[in-house]
Amino acid sequence: MARANDWTSKVMALINGGNPTAAIAQIKVAPSVKDLKALQTIMTLSKMKGRYPNVDAAIADNLALLAAPRLHRAP
C-alpha cells in the first residue's frame, strides 16, 4: 500500500491561510514533479489559480526546473 503524501494539502493550507510567501518557499523545495503537478491541479480545481500570480509563477518555474534533465548528479 502506498503512503499518502500530504505535501500538497499542507501547501494549500498555507495558500488558503493567506501566506503565499511561505507557500512559495515550500514550492521551491518540492519533493517531486508529481507533487507539483498535483498542487497545480488542486489550484485549478479549487479556482485558486490566478488569485496568487506569484504562486502560479513559482509552480510553473519549478515544474520546468524539475522536469529539465540534470547536467550532473551529486555522488
Protein backbone atom coordinates (compact mmCIF):
# COMPACT_ATOMS: atom_id res chain seq x y z
CA MET A 1 0.00 0.00 0.00
CA ALA A 2 1.36 3.40 -0.98
CA ARG A 3 1.95 6.03 1.63
CA ALA A 4 -0.24 9.14 1.30
CA ASN A 5 1.67 12.35 0.64
CA ASP A 6 0.34 15.37 2.49
CA TRP A 7 2.68 17.91 0.90
CA THR A 8 0.04 19.33 -1.44
CA SER A 9 -2.54 19.70 1.32
CA LYS A 10 -0.01 21.45 3.55
CA VAL A 11 0.91 23.91 0.80
CA MET A 12 -2.77 24.52 0.05
CA ALA A 13 -3.33 25.23 3.74
CA LEU A 14 -0.61 27.89 3.57
CA ILE A 15 -2.20 29.45 0.50
CA ASN A 16 -5.71 29.35 1.97
CA GLY A 17 -4.36 30.80 5.21
CA GLY A 18 -3.16 33.85 3.34
CA ASN A 19 0.57 33.10 3.47
CA PRO A 20 1.68 32.84 -0.17
CA THR A 21 5.30 33.67 0.73
CA ALA A 22 5.59 30.51 2.84
CA ALA A 23 3.84 28.52 0.10
CA ILE A 24 6.37 29.74 -2.47
CA ALA A 25 9.21 28.73 -0.15
CA GLN A 26 7.71 25.23 0.09
CA ILE A 27 7.19 25.07 -3.68
CA LYS A 28 10.89 25.80 -4.20
CA VAL A 29 11.79 22.69 -2.21
CA ALA A 30 9.05 20.48 -3.66
CA PRO A 31 9.72 16.75 -3.33
CA SER A 32 8.89 15.82 -6.93
CA VAL A 33 7.31 16.84 -10.22
CA LYS A 34 4.31 14.66 -9.35
CA ASP A 35 3.65 16.70 -6.21
CA LEU A 36 3.92 19.99 -8.09
CA LYS A 37 1.52 18.78 -10.77
CA ALA A 38 -0.91 17.67 -8.06
CA LEU A 39 -0.69 21.12 -6.47
CA GLN A 40 -1.27 22.76 -9.84
CA THR A 41 -4.33 20.56 -10.42
CA ILE A 42 -5.75 21.31 -6.97
CA MET A 43 -5.21 25.04 -7.52
CA THR A 44 -7.11 24.82 -10.81
CA LEU A 45 -9.98 22.75 -9.40
CA SER A 46 -10.41 24.97 -6.35
CA LYS A 47 -10.41 28.07 -8.58
CA MET A 48 -7.37 29.49 -6.79
CA LYS A 49 -5.33 29.73 -9.99
CA GLY A 50 -4.84 33.37 -10.86
CA ARG A 51 -5.63 34.63 -7.38
CA TYR A 52 -1.97 34.45 -6.38
CA PRO A 53 0.10 35.10 -9.53
CA ASN A 54 3.41 34.70 -7.68
CA VAL A 55 2.40 31.21 -6.53
CA ASP A 56 1.34 30.27 -10.07
CA ALA A 57 4.67 31.53 -11.42
CA ALA A 58 6.62 29.62 -8.75
CA ILE A 59 4.80 26.39 -9.64
CA ALA A 60 5.46 26.86 -13.36
CA ASP A 61 9.12 27.77 -12.82
CA ASN A 62 9.82 24.84 -10.53
CA LEU A 63 7.99 22.40 -12.80
CA ALA A 64 10.34 23.48 -15.58
CA LEU A 65 13.38 23.17 -13.34
CA LEU A 66 12.48 19.72 -12.05
CA ALA A 67 11.47 18.41 -15.47
CA ALA A 68 14.71 19.50 -17.13
CA PRO A 69 17.49 16.93 -17.36
CA ARG A 70 20.25 17.37 -14.83
CA LEU A 71 23.74 18.19 -16.03
CA HIS A 72 25.30 16.18 -13.23
CA ARG A 73 24.29 14.37 -10.09
CA ALA A 74 25.93 14.59 -6.74
CA PRO A 75 27.80 11.43 -5.77
